[in-house]
N, C-alpha and C. Protein backbone atom coordinates (compact mmCIF):
# COMPACT_ATOMS: atom_id res chain seq x y z
N MET A 1 8.35 16.10 -1.88
CA MET A 1 8.68 16.67 -0.99
C MET A 1 10.35 17.09 -0.84
N LEU A 2 11.07 18.39 -1.84
CA LEU A 2 11.85 19.08 -1.55
C LEU A 2 11.96 20.11 -0.74
N GLN A 3 13.70 20.13 -0.22
CA GLN A 3 13.51 21.45 0.68
C GLN A 3 14.23 22.73 -0.18
N PRO A 4 13.73 23.56 0.12
CA PRO A 4 13.97 24.42 -0.24
C PRO A 4 16.10 25.02 -1.77
N ASP A 5 16.31 24.41 -0.22
CA ASP A 5 18.08 24.89 -0.50
C ASP A 5 17.88 23.64 -1.28
N ALA A 6 17.47 22.52 -1.56
CA ALA A 6 17.87 21.45 -3.07
C ALA A 6 17.84 21.72 -4.45
N GLU A 7 19.26 21.59 -4.75
CA GLU A 7 19.78 21.61 -5.90
C GLU A 7 18.49 22.32 -6.78
N ARG A 8 17.45 21.37 -7.35
CA ARG A 8 16.48 21.08 -8.21
C ARG A 8 15.38 22.31 -7.31
N TYR A 9 15.16 21.71 -6.79
CA TYR A 9 13.76 22.98 -5.81
C TYR A 9 13.19 24.27 -6.91
N ALA A 10 14.14 24.87 -7.60
CA ALA A 10 13.32 26.34 -8.35
C ALA A 10 12.56 25.36 -9.50
N VAL A 11 14.04 24.49 -9.96
CA VAL A 11 13.21 23.56 -11.32
C VAL A 11 11.78 22.91 -11.23
N GLU A 12 11.86 22.03 -10.08
CA GLU A 12 10.88 21.49 -9.67
C GLU A 12 9.44 22.09 -9.56
N ARG A 13 9.92 22.93 -8.41
CA ARG A 13 8.49 24.12 -7.54
C ARG A 13 7.77 24.11 -8.78
N ASP A 14 8.79 24.58 -9.81
CA ASP A 14 7.76 25.73 -11.04
C ASP A 14 7.10 24.16 -11.67
N GLU A 15 8.02 23.48 -12.43
CA GLU A 15 6.93 22.76 -13.10
C GLU A 15 5.41 21.80 -12.27
N ALA A 16 5.10 21.88 -10.83
CA ALA A 16 4.58 22.10 -9.53
C ALA A 16 3.32 22.17 -10.22
N ARG A 17 3.97 23.59 -9.84
CA ARG A 17 2.93 25.20 -10.30
C ARG A 17 2.43 25.27 -11.55
N ARG A 18 3.33 24.62 -12.42
CA ARG A 18 2.32 24.21 -13.93
C ARG A 18 1.69 23.35 -14.07
N LEU A 19 1.24 22.63 -13.41
CA LEU A 19 0.91 21.51 -13.59
C LEU A 19 0.06 21.73 -12.04
N GLY A 20 -0.48 21.93 -11.17
CA GLY A 20 -1.71 22.79 -10.10
C GLY A 20 -1.08 22.46 -9.33
N VAL A 21 -0.48 21.00 -8.99
CA VAL A 21 0.03 20.31 -7.84
C VAL A 21 0.71 20.64 -6.96
N TYR A 22 0.54 21.85 -6.89
CA TYR A 22 2.35 22.39 -5.56
C TYR A 22 2.09 22.78 -4.61
N ARG A 23 2.33 23.12 -3.49
CA ARG A 23 1.73 23.10 -2.35
C ARG A 23 2.96 24.20 -1.56
N ARG A 24 3.19 24.60 -0.80
CA ARG A 24 4.12 25.02 0.75
C ARG A 24 3.69 24.59 1.39
N ILE A 25 4.36 24.45 2.08
CA ILE A 25 4.14 23.79 3.54
C ILE A 25 4.42 24.66 4.46
N PRO A 26 3.84 25.22 5.48
CA PRO A 26 4.66 26.40 6.09
C PRO A 26 5.90 25.66 6.89
N ASP A 27 6.20 26.47 7.34
CA ASP A 27 7.56 26.16 8.65
C ASP A 27 6.91 25.34 9.65
N GLY A 28 7.22 24.74 10.63
CA GLY A 28 6.45 23.96 11.58
C GLY A 28 5.80 22.93 12.29
N GLU A 29 5.20 23.00 10.18
CA GLU A 29 3.68 22.31 10.43
C GLU A 29 4.06 21.27 8.98
N PRO A 30 4.70 19.73 9.66
CA PRO A 30 5.01 18.81 9.27
C PRO A 30 4.05 17.85 9.12
N GLU A 31 3.47 17.40 7.49
CA GLU A 31 2.33 16.62 7.41
C GLU A 31 2.93 15.21 8.08
N PRO A 32 1.71 14.67 8.41
CA PRO A 32 1.82 12.98 8.86
C PRO A 32 2.55 12.01 7.51
N PRO A 33 3.35 11.42 8.27
CA PRO A 33 3.56 10.02 6.93
C PRO A 33 2.81 9.65 6.57
N ALA A 34 1.78 9.30 7.49
CA ALA A 34 1.10 8.38 6.62
C ALA A 34 -0.30 9.48 5.26
N ASP A 35 -0.37 10.98 5.42
CA ASP A 35 -0.89 11.21 4.34
C ASP A 35 0.27 11.85 3.43
N ILE A 36 1.75 11.83 3.31
CA ILE A 36 2.88 12.19 2.26
C ILE A 36 3.07 10.39 2.05
N PHE A 37 2.33 9.72 2.00
CA PHE A 37 2.57 8.02 1.70
C PHE A 37 1.29 7.84 0.46
N GLN A 38 0.42 8.36 1.02
CA GLN A 38 -1.37 8.60 0.55
C GLN A 38 -0.54 8.89 -0.95
N LYS A 39 -0.02 10.83 -0.36
CA LYS A 39 0.61 11.07 -1.66
C LYS A 39 1.26 11.10 -2.81
N ILE A 40 2.22 10.15 -2.42
CA ILE A 40 2.69 9.62 -3.48
C ILE A 40 2.31 8.56 -4.06
N LEU A 41 0.90 7.45 -3.41
CA LEU A 41 0.42 6.25 -3.60
C LEU A 41 -0.39 7.09 -5.25
N ASN A 42 -0.47 7.92 -4.58
CA ASN A 42 -2.13 9.15 -5.26
C ASN A 42 -1.33 9.55 -6.68
N LEU A 43 -0.22 9.50 -6.83
CA LEU A 43 1.01 10.44 -8.08
C LEU A 43 2.03 9.45 -8.82
N ALA A 44 1.64 8.60 -7.73
CA ALA A 44 2.68 7.32 -8.46
C ALA A 44 1.57 6.46 -10.15
N VAL A 45 1.22 7.50 -11.20
CA VAL A 45 0.37 6.58 -11.63
C VAL A 45 1.59 7.18 -13.58
N PRO A 46 1.53 6.78 -14.45
CA PRO A 46 2.42 6.04 -15.59
C PRO A 46 2.69 8.40 -15.49
N GLU A 47 1.36 8.81 -16.10
CA GLU A 47 1.35 9.99 -16.35
C GLU A 47 2.17 10.96 -15.61
N ASN A 48 1.77 10.92 -14.53
CA ASN A 48 2.61 11.61 -13.48
C ASN A 48 4.15 11.22 -13.48
N ILE A 49 4.97 10.02 -13.71
CA ILE A 49 6.18 10.05 -13.65
C ILE A 49 6.84 10.76 -15.14
N ARG A 50 7.86 11.79 -14.66
CA ARG A 50 8.61 12.41 -15.32
C ARG A 50 10.21 11.69 -15.38
N ALA A 51 11.08 11.38 -14.64
CA ALA A 51 12.24 10.06 -14.71
C ALA A 51 12.20 9.29 -13.52
N VAL A 52 12.57 8.75 -14.27
CA VAL A 52 13.61 7.59 -13.21
C VAL A 52 14.88 7.17 -13.50
N TRP A 53 15.32 7.36 -12.23
CA TRP A 53 16.83 7.34 -11.47
C TRP A 53 17.07 5.08 -10.75
N VAL A 54 18.02 4.77 -11.34
CA VAL A 54 18.35 3.47 -11.03
C VAL A 54 19.65 3.90 -10.86
N GLN A 55 20.17 3.64 -9.66
CA GLN A 55 21.79 3.63 -8.46
C GLN A 55 21.84 4.74 -9.08
N GLY A 56 21.84 5.38 -8.94
CA GLY A 56 22.07 7.09 -9.44
C GLY A 56 22.50 8.09 -11.36
N ARG A 57 21.59 6.60 -11.62
CA ARG A 57 21.87 7.37 -13.11
C ARG A 57 19.93 7.02 -14.15
N GLN A 58 20.27 8.51 -14.66
CA GLN A 58 19.04 8.38 -15.23
C GLN A 58 18.18 7.37 -16.43
N VAL A 59 17.84 6.52 -15.76
CA VAL A 59 17.16 5.66 -16.78
C VAL A 59 15.85 5.92 -17.75
N VAL A 60 15.10 6.81 -17.96
CA VAL A 60 13.54 7.33 -18.41
C VAL A 60 13.70 8.72 -17.77
N ALA A 61 13.01 9.21 -18.66
CA ALA A 61 12.91 10.81 -18.88
C ALA A 61 11.95 11.61 -20.14
N LYS A 62 10.70 12.36 -19.33
CA LYS A 62 9.86 12.52 -20.75
C LYS A 62 9.93 14.52 -21.13
């Protein structure tokens, strides 16, 4: 989940839209942590991982 003021927000938002996984959460309507965690688990499969960072350094990029 990225906030609109994040540096890469526009790039990530456009990519999520392209992939059909973009969802905007309306202001004042936060998702429960359990739902967020479940989404992370569902998306954390190799075909969905585009980059890996270790200690501030990108080690994998697709």
